[in-house]
Amino acid sequence: MVDRRFHVHPLFWLMMLFSLLAGQFLQVITLFIIVMIHEAGHVAAAVYYGWRVKRIELLPFGGVAEVDEWGNTSPVEEVVTALAGPLMNGLLILAGKLLETWGIWSSEWTAFFVYSNVLIGGFNLLPIWPLDGGRVMQTAYSLLLPYRTAITASIYTSGVGALLLVAWSVAQPAVHFNGLAVACYLFFSNIMAYRQSHYQFMRFLLFRYGQVDELDGKLPHRSVRISPSLSLLELTKKIKRNYYHTFLVEAASSSPPETLSEKHLLYSYFDKKRPHCTVEQLLR
């Protein structure tokens, strides 16, 4: 379900304006349709999985479908939803080639159509957040690292990628201003993502807290050895998606370690509002 309206980023209109001034009206309309179909792929996949789509924003290089469920669904759903946009570009390329084969489109127009889809679909596969490739990258990180670390790692990787794109745009014989504008936008987007990463992580934890009993019986258990001096806030950052956690608290003596369940951790964190309480204080 879409809760908010379509939003078109100013850079999208700027790109359209430049194309119109160059006398390429048909090409502009075609690019607009390609971007719309690209985004429709994301939305169709998200709706199929029952995700809530907050907003759809059209960008010069494609678009972004903002959803609430990222990080709280299966990795397969996230990857399929992220790749659904480029998949639509692939299908459009196939359709263009068929129309050329049937003699409906000229080879010149087909070349433009194919190039446009390769550009939009291929660019979105770059591992830079919030591009489709960046979303797949974050999902991949979350399978290897605790979720909070995965968010940070994906933002840092994306920031480096955006800076490399800036360097590439400036290093061209004639500065590639479109590439530079998009690269700067991506870098700014990652700065904002870093500032909002705490809220993304909190949504992840709140979802787990609401489903903690179900997760206990559905997910494989993961045991993690921890120091009793860790705060509950620090401990939540060790939670990894697709696992239910049991924390083994290191003891000072040779006695068996005490255990702290993920359910107890989240209950103390949210209901008792004790994020800065240490594990040792909690277990007294």
Foldseek 3Di string as FASTA:
>chain_A
DEADEEAEDPQQVVVLVVCVVVVNNVLSVLLVVLLVQLVVQLVVLCVVVPWYFHYWYADNLHTDTDTLCQLPDDLVSQLSSLLRSLVSLVVQLVVLVVCVVVVNDPPVVSVSSNVSSCRSSVVLLPCAPPRSVVSNQLSVLLQVAQNLVSLVVSLVVNLVVLVVQCVVQCPDPDRNVSSNVVSVVSNVVSVVSVVCSVVSLVSNLVSCLVCVVVQVVVAAEDEAEDEQQAFLLRVSSRHGPRHWYKYFYDDPDPDGTDIDGPNNSSCCCPVVVRRGHGNNNVVD
